[in-house]
Protein backbone atom coordinates (compact mmCIF):
# COMPACT_ATOMS: atom_id res chain seq x y z
CA UNK A 1 -9.62 -88.76 155.70
CA UNK A 2 -8.61 -88.32 159.35
CA UNK A 3 -9.80 -85.36 161.40
CA UNK A 4 -6.17 -84.37 162.06
CA UNK A 5 -5.72 -83.67 158.36
CA UNK A 6 -9.01 -81.77 158.15
CA UNK A 7 -8.00 -79.61 161.10
CA UNK A 8 -4.38 -79.04 160.07
CA UNK A 9 -5.18 -78.14 156.47
CA UNK A 10 -8.29 -76.14 157.43
CA UNK A 11 -10.09 -77.94 154.64
CA UNK A 12 -13.59 -76.82 155.58
CA UNK A 13 -12.84 -73.22 156.58
CA UNK A 14 -14.95 -70.61 154.79
CA UNK A 15 -13.35 -69.93 151.37
CA UNK A 16 -12.10 -66.34 151.38
CA UNK A 17 -12.18 -66.56 147.58
CA UNK A 18 -15.94 -66.00 147.74
CA UNK A 19 -15.83 -63.23 150.33
CA UNK A 20 -17.19 -59.95 148.99
CA UNK A 21 -18.53 -56.59 150.12
CA UNK A 22 -21.47 -54.76 148.59
CA UNK A 23 -19.32 -51.69 147.97
CA UNK A 24 -15.77 -51.79 146.67
CA UNK A 25 -13.02 -50.46 148.92
CA UNK A 26 -9.28 -50.01 148.50
CA UNK A 27 -8.05 -51.84 151.59
CA UNK A 28 -4.53 -52.36 153.00
CA UNK A 29 -3.33 -55.97 152.86
CA UNK A 30 -2.04 -56.34 156.45
CA UNK A 31 -5.42 -57.59 157.70
CA UNK A 32 -7.62 -60.29 156.23
CA UNK A 33 -11.21 -59.57 155.23
CA UNK A 34 -12.53 -61.34 158.31
CA UNK A 35 -10.10 -59.57 160.65
CA UNK A 36 -11.32 -56.27 159.25
CA UNK A 37 -14.95 -57.34 159.82
CA UNK A 38 -14.16 -58.22 163.41
CA UNK A 39 -12.47 -54.90 164.03
CA UNK A 40 -15.28 -52.87 162.49
CA UNK A 41 -17.76 -54.64 164.73
CA UNK A 42 -15.57 -54.28 167.81
CA UNK A 43 -15.17 -50.51 167.34
CA UNK A 44 -18.82 -49.81 166.54
CA UNK A 45 -21.12 -47.82 168.82
CA UNK A 46 -23.72 -50.56 168.49
CA UNK A 47 -21.29 -53.06 170.00
CA UNK A 48 -20.55 -50.79 172.96
CA UNK A 49 -24.25 -50.27 173.65
CA UNK A 50 -24.68 -54.00 174.19
CA UNK A 51 -23.29 -53.46 177.70
CA UNK A 52 -26.54 -51.66 178.57
CA UNK A 53 -28.92 -54.26 177.15
CA UNK A 54 -30.54 -57.04 179.15
CA UNK A 55 -29.67 -60.67 178.55
CA UNK A 56 -32.24 -62.24 180.89
CA UNK A 57 -32.17 -60.20 184.10
CA UNK A 58 -31.91 -56.43 184.35
CA UNK A 59 -28.27 -55.49 185.03
CA UNK A 60 -29.35 -53.23 187.90
CA UNK A 61 -30.82 -56.28 189.68
CA UNK A 62 -27.34 -57.70 190.26
CA UNK A 63 -23.94 -56.35 189.23
CA UNK A 64 -22.76 -59.79 188.16
CA UNK A 65 -25.50 -61.03 185.83
CA UNK A 66 -24.79 -61.11 182.10
CA UNK A 67 -25.69 -58.41 179.62
CA UNK A 68 -25.63 -58.64 175.83
CA UNK A 69 -21.99 -57.56 175.67
CA UNK A 70 -20.65 -60.10 178.17
CA UNK A 71 -22.81 -62.75 176.50
CA UNK A 72 -21.29 -61.92 173.10
CA UNK A 73 -17.77 -62.17 174.51
CA UNK A 74 -18.55 -65.58 176.02
CA UNK A 75 -20.03 -66.77 172.72
CA UNK A 76 -16.83 -65.66 170.99
CA UNK A 77 -14.63 -67.58 173.43
CA UNK A 78 -16.63 -70.80 173.08
CA UNK A 79 -17.05 -70.54 169.31
CA UNK A 80 -13.37 -69.77 168.64
CA UNK A 81 -12.28 -72.77 170.72
CA UNK A 82 -14.64 -74.98 168.73
CA UNK A 83 -13.54 -73.58 165.38
CA UNK A 84 -9.87 -74.18 166.12
CA UNK A 85 -10.57 -77.78 167.08
CA UNK A 86 -12.46 -78.29 163.80
CA UNK A 87 -9.93 -76.53 161.57
CA UNK A 88 -12.22 -73.64 160.71
CA UNK A 89 -11.49 -69.91 160.31
CA UNK A 90 -11.35 -68.49 163.83
CA UNK A 91 -11.21 -64.89 162.51
CA UNK A 92 -14.56 -65.27 160.77
CA UNK A 93 -15.90 -67.10 163.81
CA UNK A 94 -14.88 -64.23 166.07
CA UNK A 95 -16.41 -61.62 163.76
CA UNK A 96 -19.76 -63.43 163.64
CA UNK A 97 -19.71 -64.04 167.41
CA UNK A 98 -19.05 -60.42 168.34
CA UNK A 99 -21.67 -59.15 165.90
CA UNK A 100 -24.38 -61.77 166.33
CA UNK A 101 -26.50 -59.78 168.83
CA UNK A 102 -25.83 -56.27 167.50
CA UNK A 103 -29.46 -55.94 166.40
CA UNK A 104 -30.90 -56.87 169.78
CA UNK A 105 -33.33 -54.58 171.52
CA UNK A 106 -33.47 -53.28 175.08
CA UNK A 107 -35.09 -55.66 177.59
CA UNK A 108 -34.08 -58.83 175.75
CA UNK A 109 -36.41 -60.86 173.57
CA UNK A 110 -39.56 -59.15 174.84
CA UNK A 111 -38.32 -55.94 173.20
CA UNK A 112 -37.80 -57.83 169.96
CA UNK A 113 -41.28 -59.35 170.09
CA UNK A 114 -42.89 -56.01 170.93
CA UNK A 115 -41.28 -54.21 167.99
CA UNK A 116 -42.20 -57.08 165.69
CA UNK A 117 -45.83 -56.89 166.79
CA UNK A 118 -45.87 -53.12 166.22
CA UNK A 119 -44.30 -53.51 162.80
CA UNK A 120 -46.92 -56.14 161.91
CA UNK A 121 -49.90 -54.05 163.11
CA UNK A 122 -50.54 -56.43 166.02
CA UNK A 123 -50.44 -53.54 168.52
CA UNK A 124 -53.01 -50.80 168.16
CA UNK A 125 -51.34 -47.41 168.41
CA UNK A 126 -52.79 -44.59 166.34
CA UNK A 127 -52.64 -45.95 162.83
CA UNK A 128 -54.86 -48.27 160.73
CA UNK A 129 -54.04 -51.95 160.50
CA UNK A 130 -53.76 -51.76 156.71
CA UNK A 131 -50.79 -49.40 156.64
CA UNK A 132 -48.20 -52.13 155.99
CA UNK A 133 -47.73 -54.16 152.86
CA UNK A 134 -45.99 -57.50 153.49
CA UNK A 135 -42.72 -56.15 152.08
CA UNK A 136 -42.56 -53.56 154.86
CA UNK A 137 -43.39 -55.76 157.84
CA UNK A 138 -41.46 -57.16 160.71
CA UNK A 139 -38.58 -56.88 163.13
CA UNK A 140 -36.09 -59.57 164.13
CA UNK A 141 -32.87 -58.98 166.02
CA UNK A 142 -30.58 -61.13 163.86
CA UNK A 143 -31.88 -59.57 160.65
CA UNK A 144 -31.73 -56.13 162.24
CA UNK A 145 -28.03 -56.80 162.83
CA UNK A 146 -27.59 -57.21 159.07
CA UNK A 147 -29.52 -53.96 158.53
CA UNK A 148 -27.31 -52.09 161.01
CA UNK A 149 -24.08 -53.19 159.35
CA UNK A 150 -25.43 -52.85 155.81
CA UNK A 151 -27.04 -49.44 156.15
CA UNK A 152 -27.50 -47.79 159.54
CA UNK A 153 -24.05 -47.80 161.15
CA UNK A 154 -21.82 -45.81 158.81
CA UNK A 155 -18.07 -45.54 159.33
CA UNK A 156 -17.04 -43.69 156.15
CA UNK A 157 -18.97 -41.01 154.22
CA UNK A 158 -18.63 -42.91 150.93
CA UNK A 159 -20.11 -46.16 152.28
CA UNK A 160 -23.56 -47.34 153.28
CA UNK A 161 -23.26 -49.07 156.61
CA UNK A 162 -20.13 -50.85 157.78
CA UNK A 163 -19.72 -52.83 154.54
CA UNK A 164 -18.98 -56.20 156.13
CA UNK A 165 -18.35 -59.31 154.03
CA UNK A 166 -21.15 -61.56 152.90
CA UNK A 167 -19.90 -64.41 155.14
CA UNK A 168 -20.02 -62.35 158.31
CA UNK A 169 -23.46 -60.92 157.52
CA UNK A 170 -24.83 -64.37 156.70
CA UNK A 171 -23.47 -65.71 159.98
CA UNK A 172 -25.07 -62.87 161.96
CA UNK A 173 -28.43 -63.49 160.29
CA UNK A 174 -28.35 -67.26 160.67
CA UNK A 175 -27.34 -67.59 164.31
CA UNK A 176 -31.07 -67.50 165.07
CA UNK A 177 -34.29 -68.41 163.26
CA UNK A 178 -35.15 -66.39 160.16
CA UNK A 179 -38.91 -66.43 160.77
CA UNK A 180 -41.28 -66.38 163.72
CA UNK A 181 -43.49 -69.23 164.83
CA UNK A 182 -47.19 -68.94 165.55
CA UNK A 183 -48.03 -65.71 167.37
CA UNK A 184 -48.75 -66.16 171.09
CA UNK A 185 -52.02 -64.25 170.54
CA UNK A 186 -53.30 -66.90 168.13
CA UNK A 187 -56.44 -68.71 169.29
CA UNK A 188 -56.27 -72.23 167.85
CA UNK A 189 -59.88 -73.01 168.68
CA UNK A 190 -61.28 -69.97 166.87
CA UNK A 191 -58.41 -69.94 164.35
CA UNK A 192 -58.06 -66.21 164.81
CA UNK A 193 -55.25 -63.99 166.00
CA UNK A 194 -56.23 -61.24 168.42
CA UNK A 195 -54.45 -58.03 169.23
CA UNK A 196 -54.05 -57.02 172.84
CA UNK A 197 -57.36 -55.14 172.78
CA UNK A 198 -59.14 -58.29 171.50
CA UNK A 199 -59.63 -56.85 168.02
CA UNK A 200 -59.21 -59.61 165.39
CA UNK A 201 -55.86 -59.33 163.60
CA UNK A 202 -55.44 -59.92 159.86
CA UNK A 203 -52.13 -61.77 160.41
CA UNK A 204 -54.01 -64.95 161.44
CA UNK A 205 -51.29 -66.13 163.78
CA UNK A 206 -48.31 -65.41 161.54
CA UNK A 207 -46.09 -62.35 161.61
CA UNK A 208 -43.84 -61.39 158.73
CA UNK A 209 -40.23 -60.21 158.47
CA UNK A 210 -40.29 -59.55 154.73
CA UNK A 211 -38.79 -56.08 155.22
CA UNK A 212 -35.35 -57.64 155.49
CA UNK A 213 -35.49 -59.38 152.11
CA UNK A 214 -33.75 -56.33 150.67
CA UNK A 215 -30.50 -57.43 152.33
CA UNK A 216 -30.29 -60.89 150.75
CA UNK A 217 -27.65 -59.81 148.22
CA UNK A 218 -25.41 -58.62 151.04
CA UNK A 219 -25.46 -62.16 152.49
CA UNK A 220 -25.01 -64.02 149.20
CA UNK A 221 -22.11 -65.26 147.09
CA UNK A 222 -21.53 -62.64 144.45
CA UNK A 223 -22.73 -63.70 141.02
CA UNK A 224 -24.16 -66.97 142.30
CA UNK A 225 -27.31 -65.91 144.15
CA UNK A 226 -26.54 -68.48 146.84
CA UNK A 227 -26.28 -67.90 150.60
CA UNK A 228 -22.71 -67.27 151.79
CA UNK A 229 -22.99 -70.21 154.19
CA UNK A 230 -20.17 -71.41 156.40
CA UNK A 231 -19.51 -74.00 159.06
CA UNK A 232 -18.26 -71.11 161.18
CA UNK A 233 -21.76 -69.62 161.22
CA UNK A 234 -23.18 -72.92 162.46
CA UNK A 235 -20.54 -73.11 165.19
CA UNK A 236 -21.52 -69.64 166.41
CA UNK A 237 -25.19 -70.64 166.45
CA UNK A 238 -24.40 -73.56 168.76
CA UNK A 239 -22.01 -71.47 170.87
CA UNK A 240 -24.82 -68.95 171.35
CA UNK A 241 -27.12 -71.67 172.71
CA UNK A 242 -24.32 -73.16 174.78
CA UNK A 243 -23.51 -69.82 176.33
CA UNK A 244 -27.15 -69.25 177.20
CA UNK A 245 -27.38 -72.60 178.97
CA UNK A 246 -24.42 -72.07 181.26
CA UNK A 247 -24.97 -68.42 182.11
CA UNK A 248 -28.72 -68.83 182.60
CA UNK A 249 -27.88 -71.44 185.24
CA UNK A 250 -25.20 -69.32 186.89
CA UNK A 251 -27.29 -66.13 186.82
CA UNK A 252 -30.34 -67.97 188.18
CA UNK A 253 -28.17 -69.21 191.03
CA UNK A 254 -26.91 -65.67 191.69
CA UNK A 255 -30.50 -64.40 191.74
CA UNK A 256 -31.62 -67.18 194.14
CA UNK A 257 -34.08 -68.56 191.61
CA UNK A 258 -32.52 -72.02 191.59
CA UNK A 259 -30.78 -74.02 194.32
CA UNK A 260 -27.68 -76.11 193.55
CA UNK A 261 -29.61 -79.30 194.31
CA UNK A 262 -32.32 -78.35 191.76
CA UNK A 263 -29.72 -77.71 189.05
CA UNK A 264 -27.69 -80.87 189.70
CA UNK A 265 -30.80 -83.05 189.87
CA UNK A 266 -32.07 -81.75 186.54
CA UNK A 267 -28.71 -82.24 184.83
CA UNK A 268 -28.59 -85.82 186.11
CA UNK A 269 -32.16 -86.40 184.95
CA UNK A 270 -31.84 -84.90 181.46
CA UNK A 271 -28.33 -86.13 180.67
CA UNK A 272 -28.66 -89.52 182.36
CA UNK A 273 -27.46 -91.39 179.25
CA UNK A 274 -24.69 -88.89 178.48
CA UNK A 275 -22.89 -88.74 181.84
CA UNK A 276 -19.89 -90.93 182.48
CA UNK A 277 -19.05 -92.15 185.98
CA UNK A 278 -16.35 -89.48 186.14
CA UNK A 279 -18.80 -86.71 185.21
CA UNK A 280 -21.32 -87.90 187.80
CA UNK A 281 -18.59 -87.80 190.43
CA UNK A 282 -17.66 -84.28 189.31
CA UNK A 283 -21.29 -83.15 189.63
CA UNK A 284 -21.41 -84.47 193.19
CA UNK A 285 -18.23 -82.52 194.06
CA UNK A 286 -19.68 -79.34 192.54
CA UNK A 287 -22.88 -79.75 194.52
CA UNK A 288 -20.91 -79.85 197.78
CA UNK A 289 -18.72 -76.86 196.83
CA UNK A 290 -21.31 -74.14 197.46
CA UNK A 291 -18.86 -71.21 197.67
CA UNK A 292 -17.69 -71.95 194.12
CA UNK A 293 -20.85 -73.49 192.74
CA UNK A 294 -21.52 -70.78 190.09
CA UNK A 295 -18.21 -70.90 188.21
CA UNK A 296 -17.81 -74.67 188.67
CA UNK A 297 -21.23 -75.59 187.27
CA UNK A 298 -20.73 -73.11 184.44
CA UNK A 299 -17.39 -74.68 183.55
CA UNK A 300 -18.88 -78.17 183.75
CA UNK A 301 -21.73 -77.35 181.36
CA UNK A 302 -19.52 -75.64 178.78
CA UNK A 303 -17.05 -78.53 178.79
CA UNK A 304 -19.81 -81.13 178.53
CA UNK A 305 -21.64 -79.33 175.72
CA UNK A 306 -18.61 -78.35 173.71
CA UNK A 307 -16.95 -81.77 173.96
CA UNK A 308 -20.03 -83.40 172.50
CA UNK A 309 -20.37 -80.75 169.79
CA UNK A 310 -16.74 -81.13 168.70
CA UNK A 311 -16.73 -84.95 168.74
CA UNK A 312 -20.07 -85.30 166.92
CA UNK A 313 -19.14 -82.67 164.33
CA UNK A 314 -15.76 -84.25 163.68
CA UNK A 315 -17.42 -87.57 162.85
CA UNK A 316 -19.84 -85.92 160.43
CA UNK A 317 -17.05 -83.93 158.79
CA UNK A 318 -15.13 -87.13 158.11
CA UNK A 319 -18.20 -88.73 156.55
CA UNK A 320 -18.95 -85.59 154.53
CA UNK A 321 -15.38 -85.53 153.20
CA UNK A 322 -15.77 -89.15 152.06
CA UNK A 323 -19.20 -88.58 150.51
CA UNK A 324 -18.16 -85.57 148.41
CA UNK A 325 -14.61 -86.87 147.81
CA UNK A 326 -12.81 -83.95 149.45
CA UNK A 327 -9.16 -84.69 150.16
CA UNK A 328 -7.58 -81.27 149.90
CA UNK A 329 -8.52 -77.68 150.65
CA UNK A 330 -8.76 -76.91 146.94
CA UNK A 331 -11.39 -79.66 146.53
CA UNK A 332 -13.72 -77.94 148.99
CA UNK A 333 -13.10 -74.43 147.63
CA UNK A 334 -13.64 -75.43 143.99
CA UNK A 335 -16.92 -77.19 144.82
CA UNK A 336 -18.17 -74.78 147.49
CA UNK A 337 -20.98 -73.23 145.43
CA UNK A 338 -22.28 -76.68 144.52
CA UNK A 339 -23.01 -77.67 148.10
CA UNK A 340 -26.46 -77.04 149.51
CA UNK A 341 -26.44 -75.14 152.80
CA UNK A 342 -29.43 -77.20 153.96
CA UNK A 343 -27.27 -80.34 153.74
CA UNK A 344 -24.09 -78.88 155.20
CA UNK A 345 -26.01 -77.29 158.08
CA UNK A 346 -26.59 -80.78 159.49
CA UNK A 347 -22.86 -81.40 159.90
CA UNK A 348 -22.25 -79.09 162.87
CA UNK A 349 -24.25 -80.31 165.84
CA UNK A 350 -24.58 -82.55 168.87
CA UNK A 351 -25.08 -86.29 168.80
CA UNK A 352 -28.75 -87.27 168.58
CA UNK A 353 -28.71 -88.55 172.16
CA UNK A 354 -27.19 -85.34 173.49
CA UNK A 355 -29.56 -83.12 171.46
CA UNK A 356 -32.53 -84.82 173.11
CA UNK A 357 -30.96 -84.31 176.54
CA UNK A 358 -30.35 -80.63 175.76
CA UNK A 359 -34.01 -80.15 174.81
CA UNK A 360 -35.03 -81.54 178.19
CA UNK A 361 -32.63 -79.18 179.98
CA UNK A 362 -33.62 -76.19 177.85
CA UNK A 363 -37.30 -76.75 178.62
CA UNK A 364 -36.47 -76.82 182.32
CA UNK A 365 -34.50 -73.56 182.16
CA UNK A 366 -37.22 -71.82 180.14
CA UNK A 367 -39.94 -72.83 182.58
CA UNK A 368 -38.02 -72.00 185.74
CA UNK A 369 -35.94 -68.98 184.71
CA UNK A 370 -37.62 -67.20 181.82
CA UNK A 371 -41.00 -67.70 183.50
CA UNK A 372 -39.69 -66.64 186.90
CA UNK A 373 -41.43 -63.75 188.66
CA UNK A 374 -38.53 -61.31 188.21
CA UNK A 375 -38.09 -62.14 184.54
CA UNK A 376 -41.81 -61.82 183.79
CA UNK A 377 -42.10 -58.48 185.60
CA UNK A 378 -39.16 -57.20 183.58
CA UNK A 379 -40.80 -58.44 180.36
CA UNK A 380 -44.05 -56.71 181.22
CA UNK A 381 -42.28 -53.46 182.00
CA UNK A 382 -40.12 -53.63 178.88
CA UNK A 383 -43.04 -54.23 176.53
CA UNK A 384 -45.10 -51.44 178.13
CA UNK A 385 -42.29 -48.88 177.93
CA UNK A 386 -41.45 -49.66 174.31
CA UNK A 387 -45.08 -49.40 173.21
CA UNK A 388 -45.54 -46.10 175.06
CA UNK A 389 -42.37 -44.55 173.64
CA UNK A 390 -43.22 -45.70 170.11
CA UNK A 391 -46.69 -44.18 170.47
CA UNK A 392 -45.26 -40.88 171.75
CA UNK A 393 -42.86 -40.61 168.82
CA UNK A 394 -45.43 -41.57 166.23
CA UNK A 395 -48.12 -39.28 167.66
CA UNK A 396 -45.75 -36.31 167.70
CA UNK A 397 -42.59 -37.06 165.68
CA UNK A 398 -41.22 -33.60 166.46
CA UNK A 399 -40.10 -35.20 169.74
CA UNK A 400 -37.69 -37.45 167.85
CA UNK A 401 -33.96 -36.95 168.16
CA UNK A 402 -32.15 -35.03 165.41
CA UNK A 403 -30.43 -38.11 163.98
CA UNK A 404 -33.73 -39.97 163.56
CA UNK A 405 -35.46 -37.04 161.87
CA UNK A 406 -32.53 -36.74 159.48
CA UNK A 407 -32.67 -40.50 158.84
CA UNK A 408 -36.33 -40.17 157.80
CA UNK A 409 -35.58 -37.49 155.21
CA UNK A 410 -32.42 -39.19 153.99
CA UNK A 411 -34.43 -42.32 153.21
CA UNK A 412 -37.25 -40.41 151.59
CA UNK A 413 -34.82 -38.50 149.38
CA UNK A 414 -32.31 -41.38 149.03
CA UNK A 415 -29.25 -39.50 150.15
CA UNK A 416 -26.47 -39.85 152.71
CA UNK A 417 -26.46 -36.61 154.70
CA UNK A 418 -25.25 -36.90 158.29
CA UNK A 419 -26.28 -34.91 161.37
CA UNK A 420 -23.24 -32.67 161.17
CA UNK A 421 -23.92 -31.78 157.53
CA UNK A 422 -27.40 -30.45 158.26
CA UNK A 423 -27.77 -26.82 159.26
CA UNK A 424 -29.83 -25.93 162.33
CA UNK A 425 -32.21 -23.98 160.09
CA UNK A 426 -32.82 -26.94 157.78
CA UNK A 427 -33.18 -29.29 160.74
CA UNK A 428 -35.84 -26.97 162.18
CA UNK A 429 -37.71 -27.09 158.88
CA UNK A 430 -37.56 -30.90 158.90
CA UNK A 431 -38.90 -31.00 162.46
CA UNK A 432 -41.80 -28.76 161.44
CA UNK A 433 -42.56 -30.70 158.26
CA UNK A 434 -42.38 -34.17 159.87
CA UNK A 435 -45.61 -33.59 161.81
CA UNK A 436 -47.47 -31.64 159.11
CA UNK A 437 -50.82 -32.77 157.76
CA UNK A 438 -49.28 -33.20 154.30
CA UNK A 439 -46.63 -35.59 155.58
CA UNK A 440 -48.95 -37.54 157.84
CA UNK A 441 -51.44 -38.13 155.02
CA UNK A 442 -48.71 -39.79 152.93
CA UNK A 443 -48.62 -43.57 153.51
CA UNK A 444 -45.09 -43.86 152.14
CA UNK A 445 -43.90 -41.20 154.56
CA UNK A 446 -45.49 -42.92 157.53
CA UNK A 447 -43.88 -46.25 156.61
CA UNK A 448 -40.45 -44.61 156.57
CA UNK A 449 -41.22 -42.80 159.82
CA UNK A 450 -42.29 -45.99 161.58
CA UNK A 451 -39.20 -47.89 160.46
CA UNK A 452 -36.98 -45.03 161.65
CA UNK A 453 -38.71 -45.05 165.05
CA UNK A 454 -38.30 -48.83 165.19
CA UNK A 455 -34.57 -48.53 164.42
CA UNK A 456 -34.18 -45.80 167.02
CA UNK A 457 -35.87 -47.74 169.83
CA UNK A 458 -34.10 -50.99 168.91
CA UNK A 459 -30.76 -49.28 169.42
CA UNK A 460 -31.57 -47.97 172.89
CA UNK A 461 -30.16 -49.37 176.11
CA UNK A 462 -32.46 -50.37 178.96
CA UNK A 463 -31.60 -47.27 180.99
CA UNK A 464 -32.08 -44.96 178.02
CA UNK A 465 -35.59 -46.35 177.48
CA UNK A 466 -36.55 -45.69 181.10
CA UNK A 467 -35.05 -42.19 181.03
CA UNK A 468 -36.74 -41.40 177.71
CA UNK A 469 -40.09 -42.52 179.10
CA UNK A 470 -39.64 -40.04 181.95
CA UNK A 471 -38.70 -37.25 179.54
CA UNK A 472 -41.69 -37.94 177.29
CA UNK A 473 -44.36 -38.57 179.92
CA UNK A 474 -43.00 -36.66 182.92
CA UNK A 475 -43.16 -39.73 185.11
CA UNK A 476 -40.87 -42.53 186.20
CA UNK A 477 -41.73 -46.02 184.93
CA UNK A 478 -43.15 -48.23 187.64
């Protein structure tokens, strides 16, 4: 089968036949399921707050560096272009792209790591290390995105969460790794994991994210118990990485961390076997065009990466179609549940040669940008502020905002009350009870409280964290 036929017939687009929502809704027919997912994400408060969350550099450090919102929009543009060229569902692609970072924390990945360490008892606050069972541990931004849309962000009183389809939720979860690697506090020589205060940690180098197992059904094919996998989700995963490469370079240039000559030299070194004579000539022209270096190098990288991704994926799609004897759309749809996502996940991707070159370039960017002085100072500040705010809330939960206190009692009593439905008198009683000796002696209560605090902090913008620190401690963060 030729790629033109695969693209024209949209043979490998996610089968809407298997799209489902956890809760049944009577929906108008003028929008598809995936259009509706996209719109629900686009209009959510969580999506709007992404504009105040750090990508790599604090937005206040330069008006033109990316934030989580602009990053998500760029991912959407790249991913949708790729999906169209591969004959995939661009509506599902757009929905996953716009929602992929919804669960991200303030201050970028350091905020994510800090909350994960707290929720794994790796940070000593004021509670014993034995408080968590494995089923209650962990925080990860991609899985938190599934939690937000499945439970936390409600749009109708009769629904839990936003009630997105299984395909969109699976794509949001799988744009990034589902588990953590070895903890950075793990001492290989002693084979022990130490907390920040050098107290041995029971996690032994591994942190857990088992808390999110409860959302597996929301990401599965109904009645099959299989992941609602899609090629669209894999495209978004690569678009996410691609977007990071180009805007990390452009932002580092804006912040005077990297010189044009450094960037060009490294591209030539890493991609030496992937650059045609024409591309080498183009790089030389970009190097000399200093006034337009940022947008030109960004455009060059996106074109180079996406061209390889599309060409390599097309070849694998053709081979896959031959191997599984798919000639028509109905062949793929009828056999969809028989395919293993572990096998199909290998279809979308770069050529082997290009993947090796990308690893070289990624290592360079991580060492020079993410380990840069400004980035590391921001990470240190972000981790400190999040720990201090978490400790303040947990020490005296009466300081929590109304919505978080209500969330605690809703989860304890398994109900769906909203802030507006709670009287001021009842809210005052909740605020009194939440810090009582009876409540604090209940392990189940404290688990719910900690998860609510975690959700609350994860949803904050960078500026809100800094302002909240000042309100709680009467001082401005350094």
